[in-house]
Amino acid sequence: MRTTLDIDDPVLRELKRLQTKEGKSLGRLVSDLLARALKEDAAPTPTAPPVWIAKPMGARVNLSDKEAVHRALDR
């Protein structure tokens, strides 16, 4: 497919340098570079695993008092 692009001069110079280095036509080089950029952009970015945060809560009843423990369990 043919199309027209407006490319800044510094970018065009770099593309022509790459064209010479890789031995590709300018159109093929630009198409390959755009395809690579689009593929990288579409790839999901890895997310950090969730961080487990815990803090000591302590007992809500006196654990040495059996009656208090039984009352708490019966609720």
PDB file of N, CA and C in Angstrom:
ATOM      1  N   MET A   1       0.848  -1.169   0.000  1.00  0.00           N
ATOM      2  CA  MET A   1       0.000   0.000   0.000  1.00  0.00           C
ATOM      3  C   MET A   1       0.898   1.238   0.000  1.00  0.00           C
ATOM      4  N   ARG A   2       0.532   2.215  -0.735  1.00  0.00           N
ATOM      5  CA  ARG A   2       1.318   3.438  -0.821  1.00  0.00           C
ATOM      6  C   ARG A   2       0.640   4.526   0.001  1.00  0.00           C
ATOM      7  N   THR A   3       1.468   5.357   0.614  1.00  0.00           N
ATOM      8  CA  THR A   3       0.959   6.500   1.359  1.00  0.00           C
ATOM      9  C   THR A   3       2.045   7.565   1.400  1.00  0.00           C
ATOM     10  N   THR A   4       1.685   8.739   1.837  1.00  0.00           N
ATOM     11  CA  THR A   4       2.641   9.835   1.957  1.00  0.00           C
ATOM     12  C   THR A   4       2.774  10.200   3.424  1.00  0.00           C
ATOM     13  N   LEU A   5       4.003  10.361   3.876  1.00  0.00           N
ATOM     14  CA  LEU A   5       4.273  10.736   5.262  1.00  0.00           C
ATOM     15  C   LEU A   5       5.088  12.016   5.294  1.00  0.00           C
ATOM     16  N   ASP A   6       4.814  12.868   6.268  1.00  0.00           N
ATOM     17  CA  ASP A   6       5.669  14.021   6.532  1.00  0.00           C
ATOM     18  C   ASP A   6       6.630  13.605   7.636  1.00  0.00           C
ATOM     19  N   ILE A   7       7.912  13.536   7.304  1.00  0.00           N
ATOM     20  CA  ILE A   7       8.931  13.078   8.253  1.00  0.00           C
ATOM     21  C   ILE A   7       9.914  14.217   8.489  1.00  0.00           C
ATOM     22  N   ASP A   8      10.182  14.511   9.745  1.00  0.00           N
ATOM     23  CA  ASP A   8      11.154  15.555  10.084  1.00  0.00           C
ATOM     24  C   ASP A   8      12.521  15.199   9.521  1.00  0.00           C
ATOM     25  N   ASP A   9      13.278  16.228   9.131  1.00  0.00           N
ATOM     26  CA  ASP A   9      14.589  16.013   8.511  1.00  0.00           C
ATOM     27  C   ASP A   9      15.533  15.156   9.353  1.00  0.00           C
ATOM     28  N   PRO A  10      15.667  15.415  10.672  1.00  0.00           N
ATOM     29  CA  PRO A  10      16.575  14.562  11.456  1.00  0.00           C
ATOM     30  C   PRO A  10      16.141  13.091  11.464  1.00  0.00           C
ATOM     31  N   VAL A  11      14.841  12.860  11.492  1.00  0.00           N
ATOM     32  CA  VAL A  11      14.321  11.488  11.484  1.00  0.00           C
ATOM     33  C   VAL A  11      14.607  10.841  10.134  1.00  0.00           C
ATOM     34  N   LEU A  12      14.409  11.585   9.063  1.00  0.00           N
ATOM     35  CA  LEU A  12      14.668  11.056   7.724  1.00  0.00           C
ATOM     36  C   LEU A  12      16.149  10.718   7.549  1.00  0.00           C
ATOM     37  N   ARG A  13      17.023  11.571   8.077  1.00  0.00           N
ATOM     38  CA  ARG A  13      18.462  11.270   7.990  1.00  0.00           C
ATOM     39  C   ARG A  13      18.790   9.963   8.710  1.00  0.00           C
ATOM     40  N   GLU A  14      18.209   9.780   9.874  1.00  0.00           N
ATOM     41  CA  GLU A  14      18.455   8.544  10.630  1.00  0.00           C
ATOM     42  C   GLU A  14      17.870   7.337   9.901  1.00  0.00           C
ATOM     43  N   LEU A  15      16.700   7.500   9.312  1.00  0.00           N
ATOM     44  CA  LEU A  15      16.100   6.407   8.539  1.00  0.00           C
ATOM     45  C   LEU A  15      16.977   6.031   7.350  1.00  0.00           C
ATOM     46  N   LYS A  16      17.521   7.021   6.675  1.00  0.00           N
ATOM     47  CA  LYS A  16      18.384   6.737   5.529  1.00  0.00           C
ATOM     48  C   LYS A  16      19.678   6.060   5.972  1.00  0.00           C
ATOM     49  N   ARG A  17      20.174   6.436   7.157  1.00  0.00           N
ATOM     50  CA  ARG A  17      21.359   5.766   7.693  1.00  0.00           C
ATOM     51  C   ARG A  17      21.046   4.296   7.966  1.00  0.00           C
ATOM     52  N   LEU A  18      19.901   4.041   8.595  1.00  0.00           N
ATOM     53  CA  LEU A  18      19.482   2.660   8.862  1.00  0.00           C
ATOM     54  C   LEU A  18      19.213   1.900   7.567  1.00  0.00           C
ATOM     55  N   GLN A  19      18.658   2.591   6.583  1.00  0.00           N
ATOM     56  CA  GLN A  19      18.367   1.966   5.289  1.00  0.00           C
ATOM     57  C   GLN A  19      19.650   1.438   4.670  1.00  0.00           C
ATOM     58  N   THR A  20      20.697   2.247   4.699  1.00  0.00           N
ATOM     59  CA  THR A  20      21.987   1.826   4.146  1.00  0.00           C
ATOM     60  C   THR A  20      22.556   0.658   4.948  1.00  0.00           C
ATOM     61  N   LYS A  21      22.468   0.756   6.259  1.00  0.00           N
ATOM     62  CA  LYS A  21      23.018  -0.283   7.140  1.00  0.00           C
ATOM     63  C   LYS A  21      22.306  -1.620   6.943  1.00  0.00           C
ATOM     64  N   GLU A  22      20.973  -1.588   6.836  1.00  0.00           N
ATOM     65  CA  GLU A  22      20.194  -2.829   6.769  1.00  0.00           C
ATOM     66  C   GLU A  22      19.907  -3.281   5.341  1.00  0.00           C
ATOM     67  N   GLY A  23      20.167  -2.433   4.362  1.00  0.00           N
ATOM     68  CA  GLY A  23      19.961  -2.818   2.966  1.00  0.00           C
ATOM     69  C   GLY A  23      18.505  -3.000   2.590  1.00  0.00           C
ATOM     70  N   LYS A  24      17.631  -2.243   3.208  1.00  0.00           N
ATOM     71  CA  LYS A  24      16.197  -2.332   2.919  1.00  0.00           C
ATOM     72  C   LYS A  24      15.759  -1.065   2.195  1.00  0.00           C
ATOM     73  N   SER A  25      14.621  -1.167   1.521  1.00  0.00           N
ATOM     74  CA  SER A  25      14.047   0.049   0.943  1.00  0.00           C
ATOM     75  C   SER A  25      13.531   0.913   2.090  1.00  0.00           C
ATOM     76  N   LEU A  26      13.419   2.200   1.834  1.00  0.00           N
ATOM     77  CA  LEU A  26      12.947   3.112   2.870  1.00  0.00           C
ATOM     78  C   LEU A  26      11.533   2.732   3.324  1.00  0.00           C
ATOM     79  N   GLY A  27      10.679   2.380   2.382  1.00  0.00           N
ATOM     80  CA  GLY A  27       9.315   1.975   2.727  1.00  0.00           C
ATOM     81  C   GLY A  27       9.285   0.733   3.599  1.00  0.00           C
ATOM     82  N   ARG A  28      10.109  -0.286   3.262  1.00  0.00           N
ATOM     83  CA  ARG A  28      10.159  -1.524   4.038  1.00  0.00           C
ATOM     84  C   ARG A  28      10.690  -1.234   5.435  1.00  0.00           C
ATOM     85  N   LEU A  29      11.728  -0.406   5.523  1.00  0.00           N
ATOM     86  CA  LEU A  29      12.322  -0.071   6.817  1.00  0.00           C
ATOM     87  C   LEU A  29      11.306   0.632   7.712  1.00  0.00           C
ATOM     88  N   VAL A  30      10.627   1.638   7.172  1.00  0.00           N
ATOM     89  CA  VAL A  30       9.627   2.373   7.957  1.00  0.00           C
ATOM     90  C   VAL A  30       8.495   1.439   8.375  1.00  0.00           C
ATOM     91  N   SER A  31       8.046   0.586   7.479  1.00  0.00           N
ATOM     92  CA  SER A  31       6.975  -0.354   7.802  1.00  0.00           C
ATOM     93  C   SER A  31       7.398  -1.305   8.919  1.00  0.00           C
ATOM     94  N   ASP A  32       8.619  -1.826   8.840  1.00  0.00           N
ATOM     95  CA  ASP A  32       9.120  -2.734   9.882  1.00  0.00           C
ATOM     96  C   ASP A  32       9.218  -2.028  11.233  1.00  0.00           C
ATOM     97  N   LEU A  33       9.746  -0.806  11.220  1.00  0.00           N
ATOM     98  CA  LEU A  33       9.891  -0.059  12.471  1.00  0.00           C
ATOM     99  C   LEU A  33       8.535   0.276  13.086  1.00  0.00           C
ATOM    100  N   LEU A  34       7.583   0.663  12.253  1.00  0.00           N
ATOM    101  CA  LEU A  34       6.242   0.956  12.767  1.00  0.00           C
ATOM    102  C   LEU A  34       5.567  -0.298  13.313  1.00  0.00           C
ATOM    103  N   ALA A  35       5.716  -1.413  12.617  1.00  0.00           N
ATOM    104  CA  ALA A  35       5.120  -2.670  13.090  1.00  0.00           C
ATOM    105  C   ALA A  35       5.700  -3.060  14.441  1.00  0.00           C
ATOM    106  N   ARG A  36       7.015  -2.916  14.590  1.00  0.00           N
ATOM    107  CA  ARG A  36       7.667  -3.245  15.864  1.00  0.00           C
ATOM    108  C   ARG A  36       7.162  -2.328  16.978  1.00  0.00           C
ATOM    109  N   ALA A  37       7.051  -1.034  16.693  1.00  0.00           N
ATOM    110  CA  ALA A  37       6.575  -0.084  17.702  1.00  0.00           C
ATOM    111  C   ALA A  37       5.137  -0.384  18.108  1.00  0.00           C
ATOM    112  N   LEU A  38       4.298  -0.717  17.148  1.00  0.00           N
ATOM    113  CA  LEU A  38       2.904  -1.036  17.458  1.00  0.00           C
ATOM    114  C   LEU A  38       2.787  -2.324  18.261  1.00  0.00           C
ATOM    115  N   LYS A  39       3.622  -3.300  17.949  1.00  0.00           N
ATOM    116  CA  LYS A  39       3.597  -4.571  18.683  1.00  0.00           C
ATOM    117  C   LYS A  39       4.031  -4.357  20.128  1.00  0.00           C
ATOM    118  N   GLU A  40       5.088  -3.572  20.324  1.00  0.00           N
ATOM    119  CA  GLU A  40       5.561  -3.293  21.682  1.00  0.00           C
ATOM    120  C   GLU A  40       4.520  -2.519  22.466  1.00  0.00           C
ATOM    121  N   ASP A  41       3.832  -1.594  21.797  1.00  0.00           N
ATOM    122  CA  ASP A  41       2.820  -0.788  22.462  1.00  0.00           C
ATOM    123  C   ASP A  41       1.622  -1.637  22.871  1.00  0.00           C
ATOM    124  N   ALA A  42       1.308  -2.666  22.084  1.00  0.00           N
ATOM    125  CA  ALA A  42       0.150  -3.514  22.364  1.00  0.00           C
ATOM    126  C   ALA A  42       0.442  -4.552  23.443  1.00  0.00           C
ATOM    127  N   ALA A  43       1.719  -4.829  23.695  1.00  0.00           N
ATOM    128  CA  ALA A  43       2.079  -5.834  24.697  1.00  0.00           C
ATOM    129  C   ALA A  43       1.687  -5.328  26.081  1.00  0.00           C
ATOM    130  N   PRO A  44       1.071  -6.189  26.894  1.00  0.00           N
ATOM    131  CA  PRO A  44       0.689  -5.756  28.236  1.00  0.00           C
ATOM    132  C   PRO A  44       1.923  -5.482  29.089  1.00  0.00           C
ATOM    133  N   THR A  45       1.837  -4.440  29.858  1.00  0.00           N
ATOM    134  CA  THR A  45       2.945  -4.122  30.746  1.00  0.00           C
ATOM    135  C   THR A  45       2.792  -4.949  32.014  1.00  0.00           C
ATOM    136  N   PRO A  46       3.865  -5.551  32.467  1.00  0.00           N
ATOM    137  CA  PRO A  46       3.760  -6.371  33.675  1.00  0.00           C
ATOM    138  C   PRO A  46       3.428  -5.501  34.887  1.00  0.00           C
ATOM    139  N   THR A  47       2.554  -6.024  35.708  1.00  0.00           N
ATOM    140  CA  THR A  47       2.197  -5.300  36.925  1.00  0.00           C
ATOM    141  C   THR A  47       2.863  -5.982  38.109  1.00  0.00           C
ATOM    142  N   ALA A  48       3.194  -5.201  39.076  1.00  0.00           N
ATOM    143  CA  ALA A  48       3.833  -5.738  40.276  1.00  0.00           C
ATOM    144  C   ALA A  48       2.811  -6.572  41.052  1.00  0.00           C
ATOM    145  N   PRO A  49       3.263  -7.658  41.661  1.00  0.00           N
ATOM    146  CA  PRO A  49       2.323  -8.455  42.455  1.00  0.00           C
ATOM    147  C   PRO A  49       1.845  -7.643  43.656  1.00  0.00           C
ATOM    148  N   PRO A  50       0.632  -7.927  44.113  1.00  0.00           N
ATOM    149  CA  PRO A  50       0.133  -7.174  45.262  1.00  0.00           C
ATOM    150  C   PRO A  50       1.003  -7.422  46.490  1.00  0.00           C
ATOM    151  N   VAL A  51       1.101  -6.417  47.311  1.00  0.00           N
ATOM    152  CA  VAL A  51       1.906  -6.507  48.529  1.00  0.00           C
ATOM    153  C   VAL A  51       0.972  -6.844  49.686  1.00  0.00           C
ATOM    154  N   TRP A  52       1.313  -7.903  50.403  1.00  0.00           N
ATOM    155  CA  TRP A  52       0.508  -8.323  51.545  1.00  0.00           C
ATOM    156  C   TRP A  52       0.939  -7.509  52.756  1.00  0.00           C
ATOM    157  N   ILE A  53      -0.014  -6.832  53.356  1.00  0.00           N
ATOM    158  CA  ILE A  53       0.281  -6.023  54.538  1.00  0.00           C
ATOM    159  C   ILE A  53      -0.519  -6.601  55.697  1.00  0.00           C
ATOM    160  N   ALA A  54       0.159  -6.924  56.776  1.00  0.00           N
ATOM    161  CA  ALA A  54      -0.507  -7.468  57.957  1.00  0.00           C
ATOM    162  C   ALA A  54       0.030  -6.762  59.193  1.00  0.00           C
ATOM    163  N   LYS A  55      -0.809  -6.681  60.184  1.00  0.00           N
ATOM    164  CA  LYS A  55      -0.364  -6.117  61.453  1.00  0.00           C
ATOM    165  C   LYS A  55      -0.994  -6.931  62.570  1.00  0.00           C
ATOM    166  N   PRO A  56      -0.303  -7.055  63.677  1.00  0.00           N
ATOM    167  CA  PRO A  56      -0.865  -7.822  64.786  1.00  0.00           C
ATOM    168  C   PRO A  56      -2.118  -7.123  65.320  1.00  0.00           C
ATOM    169  N   MET A  57      -3.162  -7.934  65.545  1.00  0.00           N
ATOM    170  CA  MET A  57      -4.421  -7.360  66.002  1.00  0.00           C
ATOM    171  C   MET A  57      -4.653  -7.623  67.489  1.00  0.00           C
ATOM    172  N   GLY A  58      -4.038  -8.649  68.020  1.00  0.00           N
ATOM    173  CA  GLY A  58      -4.241  -8.957  69.427  1.00  0.00           C
ATOM    174  C   GLY A  58      -5.590  -9.629  69.669  1.00  0.00           C
ATOM    175  N   ALA A  59      -5.715 -10.280  70.775  1.00  0.00           N
ATOM    176  CA  ALA A  59      -6.955 -10.980  71.124  1.00  0.00           C
ATOM    177  C   ALA A  59      -7.998  -9.974  71.593  1.00  0.00           C
ATOM    178  N   ARG A  60      -9.270 -10.259  71.276  1.00  0.00           N
ATOM    179  CA  ARG A  60     -10.351  -9.364  71.700  1.00  0.00           C
ATOM    180  C   ARG A  60     -10.931  -9.792  73.050  1.00  0.00           C
ATOM    181  N   VAL A  61     -10.494 -10.955  73.517  1.00  0.00           N
ATOM    182  CA  VAL A  61     -10.909 -11.425  74.852  1.00  0.00           C
ATOM    183  C   VAL A  61      -9.670 -11.896  75.586  1.00  0.00           C
ATOM    184  N   ASN A  62      -9.783 -11.990  76.878  1.00  0.00           N
ATOM    185  CA  ASN A  62      -8.688 -12.502  77.692  1.00  0.00           C
ATOM    186  C   ASN A  62      -8.620 -14.014  77.479  1.00  0.00           C
ATOM    187  N   LEU A  63      -7.572 -14.490  76.803  1.00  0.00           N
ATOM    188  CA  LEU A  63      -7.481 -15.905  76.453  1.00  0.00           C
ATOM    189  C   LEU A  63      -7.235 -16.797  77.664  1.00  0.00           C
ATOM    190  N   SER A  64      -6.807 -16.234  78.765  1.00  0.00           N
ATOM    191  CA  SER A  64      -6.615 -17.059  79.963  1.00  0.00           C
ATOM    192  C   SER A  64      -7.930 -17.238  80.726  1.00  0.00           C
ATOM    193  N   ASP A  65      -8.963 -16.491  80.361  1.00  0.00           N
ATOM    194  CA  ASP A  65     -10.284 -16.610  80.989  1.00  0.00           C
ATOM    195  C   ASP A  65     -11.156 -17.494  80.098  1.00  0.00           C
ATOM    196  N   LYS A  66     -11.324 -18.794  80.516  1.00  0.00           N
ATOM    197  CA  LYS A  66     -12.061 -19.753  79.694  1.00  0.00           C
ATOM    198  C   LYS A  66     -13.505 -19.322  79.475  1.00  0.00           C
ATOM    199  N   GLU A  67     -14.128 -18.764  80.494  1.00  0.00           N
ATOM    200  CA  GLU A  67     -15.528 -18.329  80.364  1.00  0.00           C
ATOM    201  C   GLU A  67     -15.662 -17.213  79.323  1.00  0.00           C
ATOM    202  N   ALA A  68     -14.709 -16.295  79.293  1.00  0.00           N
ATOM    203  CA  ALA A  68     -14.750 -15.199  78.316  1.00  0.00           C
ATOM    204  C   ALA A  68     -14.560 -15.751  76.900  1.00  0.00           C
ATOM    205  N   VAL A  69     -13.684 -16.743  76.766  1.00  0.00           N
ATOM    206  CA  VAL A  69     -13.466 -17.358  75.455  1.00  0.00           C
ATOM    207  C   VAL A  69     -14.738 -18.060  74.996  1.00  0.00           C
ATOM    208  N   HIS A  70     -15.393 -18.823  75.888  1.00  0.00           N
ATOM    209  CA  HIS A  70     -16.633 -19.531  75.533  1.00  0.00           C
ATOM    210  C   HIS A  70     -17.740 -18.544  75.167  1.00  0.00           C
ATOM    211  N   ARG A  71     -17.845 -17.441  75.907  1.00  0.00           N
ATOM    212  CA  ARG A  71     -18.867 -16.442  75.578  1.00  0.00           C
ATOM    213  C   ARG A  71     -18.605 -15.849  74.187  1.00  0.00           C
ATOM    214  N   ALA A  72     -17.336 -15.598  73.878  1.00  0.00           N
ATOM    215  CA  ALA A  72     -16.986 -15.029  72.569  1.00  0.00           C
ATOM    216  C   ALA A  72     -17.303 -16.024  71.448  1.00  0.00           C
ATOM    217  N   LEU A  73     -17.075 -17.317  71.704  1.00  0.00           N
ATOM    218  CA  LEU A  73     -17.352 -18.331  70.691  1.00  0.00           C
ATOM    219  C   LEU A  73     -18.845 -18.539  70.492  1.00  0.00           C
ATOM    220  N   ASP A  74     -19.645 -18.306  71.517  1.00  0.00           N
ATOM    221  CA  ASP A  74     -21.091 -18.511  71.432  1.00  0.00           C
ATOM    222  C   ASP A  74     -21.799 -17.365  70.714  1.00  0.00           C
ATOM    223  N   ARG A  75     -21.149 -16.264  70.484  1.00  0.00           N
ATOM    224  CA  ARG A  75     -21.795 -15.115  69.825  1.00  0.00           C
ATOM    225  C   ARG A  75     -22.155 -15.428  68.418  1.00  0.00           C
TER     226      ARG A  75
END
